[in-house]
C-alpha atoms as a PDB file:
ATOM      1  CA  MET A   1       0.135  -0.112   0.163  1.00  0.00           C
ATOM      2  CA  ILE A   2       1.547   3.147  -1.028  1.00  0.00           C
ATOM      3  CA  THR A   3       1.026   6.212   1.690  1.00  0.00           C
ATOM      4  CA  THR A   4       0.779  10.001   0.482  1.00  0.00           C
ATOM      5  CA  PRO A   5       2.248  12.042   3.644  1.00  0.00           C
ATOM      6  CA  LEU A   6      -0.034  14.214   4.892  1.00  0.00           C
ATOM      7  CA  ALA A   7       1.955  16.992   3.563  1.00  0.00           C
ATOM      8  CA  VAL A   8       1.763  16.462  -0.083  1.00  0.00           C
ATOM      9  CA  TRP A   9      -2.210  16.310   0.625  1.00  0.00           C
ATOM     10  CA  THR A  10      -2.416  19.420   2.351  1.00  0.00           C
ATOM     11  CA  GLY A  11      -0.142  21.039  -0.111  1.00  0.00           C
ATOM     12  CA  ALA A  12      -3.003  20.088  -2.947  1.00  0.00           C
ATOM     13  CA  ALA A  13      -5.692  21.152  -0.819  1.00  0.00           C
ATOM     14  CA  LEU A  14      -4.188  24.720  -0.641  1.00  0.00           C
ATOM     15  CA  LEU A  15      -3.478  24.995  -4.022  1.00  0.00           C
ATOM     16  CA  LEU A  16      -6.940  23.850  -5.404  1.00  0.00           C
ATOM     17  CA  CYS A  17      -8.138  26.656  -3.000  1.00  0.00           C
ATOM     18  CA  ALA A  18      -5.660  29.042  -3.933  1.00  0.00           C
ATOM     19  CA  SER A  19      -6.398  28.511  -8.001  1.00  0.00           C
ATOM     20  CA  THR A  20     -10.213  28.603  -7.309  1.00  0.00           C
ATOM     21  CA  LEU A  21      -9.521  32.430  -5.678  1.00  0.00           C
ATOM     22  CA  VAL A  22      -7.752  33.358  -8.040  1.00  0.00           C
ATOM     23  CA  HIS A  23     -10.529  32.279 -10.583  1.00  0.00           C
ATOM     24  CA  ALA A  24     -13.686  33.777  -8.314  1.00  0.00           C
ATOM     25  CA  ALA A  25     -15.530  35.965  -9.827  1.00  0.00           C
ATOM     26  CA  PRO A  26     -15.117  39.758  -8.486  1.00  0.00           C
ATOM     27  CA  PRO A  27     -18.016  40.936  -5.832  1.00  0.00           C
ATOM     28  CA  PRO A  28     -20.483  42.831  -6.782  1.00  0.00           C
ATOM     29  CA  SER A  29     -20.145  46.778  -6.791  1.00  0.00           C
ATOM     30  CA  SER A  30     -23.521  47.458  -4.880  1.00  0.00           C
ATOM     31  CA  GLY A  31     -23.076  50.110  -2.635  1.00  0.00           C
ATOM     32  CA  ALA A  32     -21.090  52.234  -4.532  1.00  0.00           C
ATOM     33  CA  VAL A  33     -23.386  54.658  -5.095  1.00  0.00           C
ATOM     34  CA  GLY A  34     -25.804  56.169  -2.725  1.00  0.00           C
ATOM     35  CA  GLU A  35     -28.298  58.340  -3.185  1.00  0.00           C
ATOM     36  CA  GLN A  36     -30.289  60.270   0.090  1.00  0.00           C
ATOM     37  CA  LEU A  37     -33.798  61.933  -1.137  1.00  0.00           C
ATOM     38  CA  LYS A  38     -34.474  65.505   0.634  1.00  0.00           C
ATOM     39  CA  VAL A  39     -38.271  66.778   0.218  1.00  0.00           C
ATOM     40  CA  ASN A  40     -38.853  70.568   0.991  1.00  0.00           C
ATOM     41  CA  SER A  41     -42.749  71.349   0.880  1.00  0.00           C
ATOM     42  CA  ARG A  42     -43.568  74.954   1.758  1.00  0.00           C
ATOM     43  CA  ASP A  43     -45.012  78.206   0.407  1.00  0.00           C
ATOM     44  CA  GLY A  44     -47.261  75.839  -2.405  1.00  0.00           C
ATOM     45  CA  THR A  45     -44.070  73.865  -3.624  1.00  0.00           C
ATOM     46  CA  VAL A  46     -42.625  70.789  -3.684  1.00  0.00           C
ATOM     47  CA  LEU A  47     -39.031  70.500  -3.898  1.00  0.00           C
ATOM     48  CA  VAL A  48     -36.573  67.138  -3.895  1.00  0.00           C
ATOM     49  CA  GLN A  49     -33.387  67.416  -3.232  1.00  0.00           C
ATOM     50  CA  ILE A  50     -30.994  64.013  -4.504  1.00  0.00           C
ATOM     51  CA  THR A  51     -28.034  63.734  -3.679  1.00  0.00           C
ATOM     52  CA  LEU A  52     -25.566  61.069  -5.134  1.00  0.00           C
ATOM     53  CA  GLN A  53     -22.512  59.713  -3.809  1.00  0.00           C
ATOM     54  CA  ASN A  54     -19.666  57.632  -6.080  1.00  0.00           C
ATOM     55  CA  ARG A  55     -18.221  56.342  -2.818  1.00  0.00           C
ATOM     56  CA  SER A  56     -15.723  53.975  -4.278  1.00  0.00           C
ATOM     57  CA  ALA A  57     -12.632  54.611  -7.097  1.00  0.00           C
ATOM     58  CA  HIS A  58     -13.162  55.022 -10.045  1.00  0.00           C
ATOM     59  CA  PRO A  59     -15.941  57.352 -11.867  1.00  0.00           C
ATOM     60  CA  VAL A  60     -19.406  56.544 -12.350  1.00  0.00           C
ATOM     61  CA  TYR A  61     -22.144  57.445 -14.501  1.00  0.00           C
ATOM     62  CA  VAL A  62     -25.381  58.661 -13.278  1.00  0.00           C
ATOM     63  CA  GLN A  63     -28.542  59.497 -15.828  1.00  0.00           C
ATOM     64  CA  LYS A  64     -28.703  63.650 -16.447  1.00  0.00           C
ATOM     65  CA  SER A  65     -32.570  62.814 -15.759  1.00  0.00           C
ATOM     66  CA  LEU A  66     -32.042  62.821 -11.421  1.00  0.00           C
ATOM     67  CA  ALA A  67     -29.219  64.250 -11.894  1.00  0.00           C
ATOM     68  CA  SER A  68     -29.789  67.723 -13.692  1.00  0.00           C
ATOM     69  CA  ALA A  69     -32.809  68.009 -14.861  1.00  0.00           C
ATOM     70  CA  THR A  70     -34.668  71.198 -14.504  1.00  0.00           C
ATOM     71  CA  GLU A  71     -37.652  69.627 -14.573  1.00  0.00           C
ATOM     72  CA  LEU A  72     -39.612  66.099 -14.999  1.00  0.00           C
ATOM     73  CA  THR A  73     -39.907  64.421 -17.967  1.00  0.00           C
ATOM     74  CA  GLY A  74     -41.637  60.807 -17.156  1.00  0.00           C
ATOM     75  CA  ARG A  75     -42.255  59.723 -13.927  1.00  0.00           C
ATOM     76  CA  LEU A  76     -38.870  59.430 -11.391  1.00  0.00           C
ATOM     77  CA  PHE A  77     -40.454  59.182  -8.307  1.00  0.00           C
ATOM     78  CA  ASP A  78     -43.055  56.845  -6.780  1.00  0.00           C
ATOM     79  CA  ILE A  79     -45.551  58.649  -4.188  1.00  0.00           C
ATOM     80  CA  VAL A  80     -47.799  57.528  -2.217  1.00  0.00           C
ATOM     81  CA  ASP A  81     -50.203  58.971   1.099  1.00  0.00           C
ATOM     82  CA  THR A  82     -48.777  57.170   3.500  1.00  0.00           C
ATOM     83  CA  ALA A  83     -52.592  57.453   5.046  1.00  0.00           C
ATOM     84  CA  SER A  84     -54.568  56.164   2.441  1.00  0.00           C
ATOM     85  CA  GLY A  85     -51.123  53.520   0.489  1.00  0.00           C
ATOM     86  CA  LYS A  86     -52.221  55.270  -2.938  1.00  0.00           C
ATOM     87  CA  SER A  87     -50.212  56.117  -5.587  1.00  0.00           C
ATOM     88  CA  ILE A  88     -50.300  59.669  -6.780  1.00  0.00           C
ATOM     89  CA  PRO A  89     -50.740  60.094  -9.713  1.00  0.00           C
ATOM     90  CA  TYR A  90     -48.059  61.652 -12.315  1.00  0.00           C
ATOM     91  CA  ILE A  91     -49.470  63.889 -14.593  1.00  0.00           C
ATOM     92  CA  GLY A  92     -46.516  65.876 -15.700  1.00  0.00           C
ATOM     93  CA  MET A  93     -44.453  65.978 -19.123  1.00  0.00           C
ATOM     94  CA  MET A  94     -44.023  62.724 -21.009  1.00  0.00           C
ATOM     95  CA  ILE A  95     -41.347  62.474 -23.678  1.00  0.00           C
ATOM     96  CA  LYS A  96     -40.903  59.737 -25.483  1.00  0.00           C
ATOM     97  CA  ARG A  97     -37.313  58.607 -26.533  1.00  0.00           C
ATOM     98  CA  GLY A  98     -35.676  56.296 -27.394  1.00  0.00           C
ATOM     99  CA  PRO A  99     -32.777  54.158 -26.123  1.00  0.00           C
ATOM    100  CA  LEU A 100     -30.537  56.173 -23.630  1.00  0.00           C
ATOM    101  CA  THR A 101     -26.739  57.527 -24.914  1.00  0.00           C
ATOM    102  CA  ALA A 102     -23.630  58.027 -23.483  1.00  0.00           C
ATOM    103  CA  LYS A 103     -25.135  61.744 -23.717  1.00  0.00           C
ATOM    104  CA  ASP A 104     -27.986  61.206 -21.538  1.00  0.00           C
ATOM    105  CA  TYR A 105     -25.293  60.464 -18.403  1.00  0.00           C
ATOM    106  CA  LEU A 106     -22.970  62.712 -16.251  1.00  0.00           C
ATOM    107  CA  THR A 107     -20.175  61.551 -14.565  1.00  0.00           C
ATOM    108  CA  LEU A 108     -19.669  61.546 -10.601  1.00  0.00           C
ATOM    109  CA  PRO A 109     -16.147  61.502 -10.275  1.00  0.00           C
ATOM    110  CA  PRO A 110     -14.686  59.044  -7.308  1.00  0.00           C
ATOM    111  CA  HIS A 111     -15.065  59.813  -3.782  1.00  0.00           C
ATOM    112  CA  SER A 112     -17.755  62.683  -4.341  1.00  0.00           C
ATOM    113  CA  SER A 113     -21.282  64.204  -4.123  1.00  0.00           C
ATOM    114  CA  HIS A 114     -23.823  65.804  -6.659  1.00  0.00           C
ATOM    115  CA  SER A 115     -26.427  67.596  -5.204  1.00  0.00           C
ATOM    116  CA  HIS A 116     -29.697  68.826  -7.487  1.00  0.00           C
ATOM    117  CA  THR A 117     -32.985  69.976  -6.452  1.00  0.00           C
ATOM    118  CA  ILE A 118     -36.676  69.656  -8.861  1.00  0.00           C
ATOM    119  CA  ASP A 119     -39.446  71.354  -8.658  1.00  0.00           C
ATOM    120  CA  ILE A 120     -42.010  68.080  -8.818  1.00  0.00           C
ATOM    121  CA  THR A 121     -45.029  70.716  -7.336  1.00  0.00           C
ATOM    122  CA  HIS A 122     -47.109  70.918 -11.113  1.00  0.00           C
ATOM    123  CA  SER A 123     -45.784  66.666 -12.179  1.00  0.00           C
ATOM    124  CA  TYR A 124     -48.007  64.948  -9.849  1.00  0.00           C
ATOM    125  CA  ALA A 125     -51.234  65.119  -8.608  1.00  0.00           C
ATOM    126  CA  PHE A 126     -51.186  66.120  -4.894  1.00  0.00           C
ATOM    127  CA  ALA A 127     -54.638  65.634  -3.500  1.00  0.00           C
ATOM    128  CA  ALA A 128     -55.846  69.096  -1.803  1.00  0.00           C
ATOM    129  CA  GLY A 129     -55.687  70.206   1.827  1.00  0.00           C
ATOM    130  CA  PRO A 130     -52.846  68.411   3.972  1.00  0.00           C
ATOM    131  CA  HIS A 131     -51.746  65.401   3.286  1.00  0.00           C
ATOM    132  CA  HIS A 132     -48.266  63.387   4.474  1.00  0.00           C
ATOM    133  CA  TYR A 133     -46.650  61.524   1.700  1.00  0.00           C
ATOM    134  CA  ARG A 134     -43.856  58.824   0.927  1.00  0.00           C
ATOM    135  CA  LEU A 135     -41.721  59.652  -1.781  1.00  0.00           C
ATOM    136  CA  SER A 136     -39.206  56.838  -3.360  1.00  0.00           C
ATOM    137  CA  HIS A 137     -36.737  56.682  -6.249  1.00  0.00           C
ATOM    138  CA  ALA A 138     -34.975  53.241  -7.291  1.00  0.00           C
ATOM    139  CA  GLY A 139     -32.152  54.491  -9.862  1.00  0.00           C
ATOM    140  CA  ASP A 140     -28.930  52.732 -11.305  1.00  0.00           C
ATOM    141  CA  TYR A 141     -25.750  53.721 -12.510  1.00  0.00           C
ATOM    142  CA  LEU A 142     -23.031  52.970 -15.022  1.00  0.00           C
ATOM    143  CA  SER A 143     -19.221  51.908 -13.959  1.00  0.00           C
ATOM    144  CA  ASP A 144     -18.534  52.087 -18.331  1.00  0.00           C
ATOM    145  CA  LEU A 145     -20.018  54.170 -20.410  1.00  0.00           C
ATOM    146  CA  ALA A 146     -19.161  51.827 -23.397  1.00  0.00           C
ATOM    147  CA  ALA A 147     -21.525  49.506 -21.787  1.00  0.00           C
ATOM    148  CA  LEU A 148     -24.718  51.070 -21.699  1.00  0.00           C
ATOM    149  CA  GLU A 149     -26.747  47.987 -20.866  1.00  0.00           C
ATOM    150  CA  ALA A 150     -24.598  46.655 -18.123  1.00  0.00           C
ATOM    151  CA  ALA A 151     -26.479  49.648 -14.871  1.00  0.00           C
ATOM    152  CA  SER A 152     -26.414  48.404 -11.960  1.00  0.00           C
ATOM    153  CA  PRO A 153     -28.855  49.200  -9.125  1.00  0.00           C
ATOM    154  CA  ILE A 154     -28.436  52.154  -6.463  1.00  0.00           C
ATOM    155  CA  PRO A 155     -30.153  50.808  -3.430  1.00  0.00           C
ATOM    156  CA  PRO A 156     -33.929  52.810  -3.335  1.00  0.00           C
ATOM    157  CA  ALA A 157     -33.794  55.738  -1.503  1.00  0.00           C
ATOM    158  CA  SER A 158     -36.902  57.617   0.350  1.00  0.00           C
ATOM    159  CA  ALA A 159     -38.121  60.493   1.855  1.00  0.00           C
ATOM    160  CA  GLU A 160     -41.590  61.236   4.064  1.00  0.00           C
ATOM    161  CA  PHE A 161     -42.956  64.865   3.702  1.00  0.00           C
ATOM    162  CA  SER A 162     -46.250  66.574   4.442  1.00  0.00           C
ATOM    163  CA  HIS A 163     -47.887  68.670   2.015  1.00  0.00           C
ATOM    164  CA  THR A 164     -50.904  71.717   1.463  1.00  0.00           C
ATOM    165  CA  ALA A 165     -51.968  71.795  -1.833  1.00  0.00           C
ATOM    166  CA  PRO A 166     -54.554  74.730  -2.594  1.00  0.00           C
ATOM    167  CA  PRO A 167     -58.067  72.980  -3.223  1.00  0.00           C
ATOM    168  CA  GLN A 168     -58.470  72.214  -7.473  1.00  0.00           C
ATOM    169  CA  GLU A 169     -60.667  74.205  -9.773  1.00  0.00           C
END
């Protein structure tokens, strides 16, 4: 009977493990980009401040519609009346467009943040009188503009706010 020394088996096992580690896929980049939402409702307006943070050591790319738009061109946020649980309809402008291109993205440098405020007052059908709402957003970002189809999700963010809309005429 041939016996193999324990050191040979241990070495082979370590070599196999090391080989597996070298060929393992890199961990997903979730968490590389974060998002914070703040809502300011005053004087009859609803302003949403979006802050995007690039926590990675590489540039990332976020959609300009989120990072720098002056007005909404589609339903960007989900808004729910917290008392009734009903979704608030989007009534703003809707622009039909083709697939996104590299020109539709803003570069967010490594370890940086970008804040932007959008007025959504006339884009959603806020009910007349005082109401309490939850606004949420689930977006995505790109790590490489050459791979437009490889978007990574940004962890969803939300904010609660109160708003008193005037009576509808």
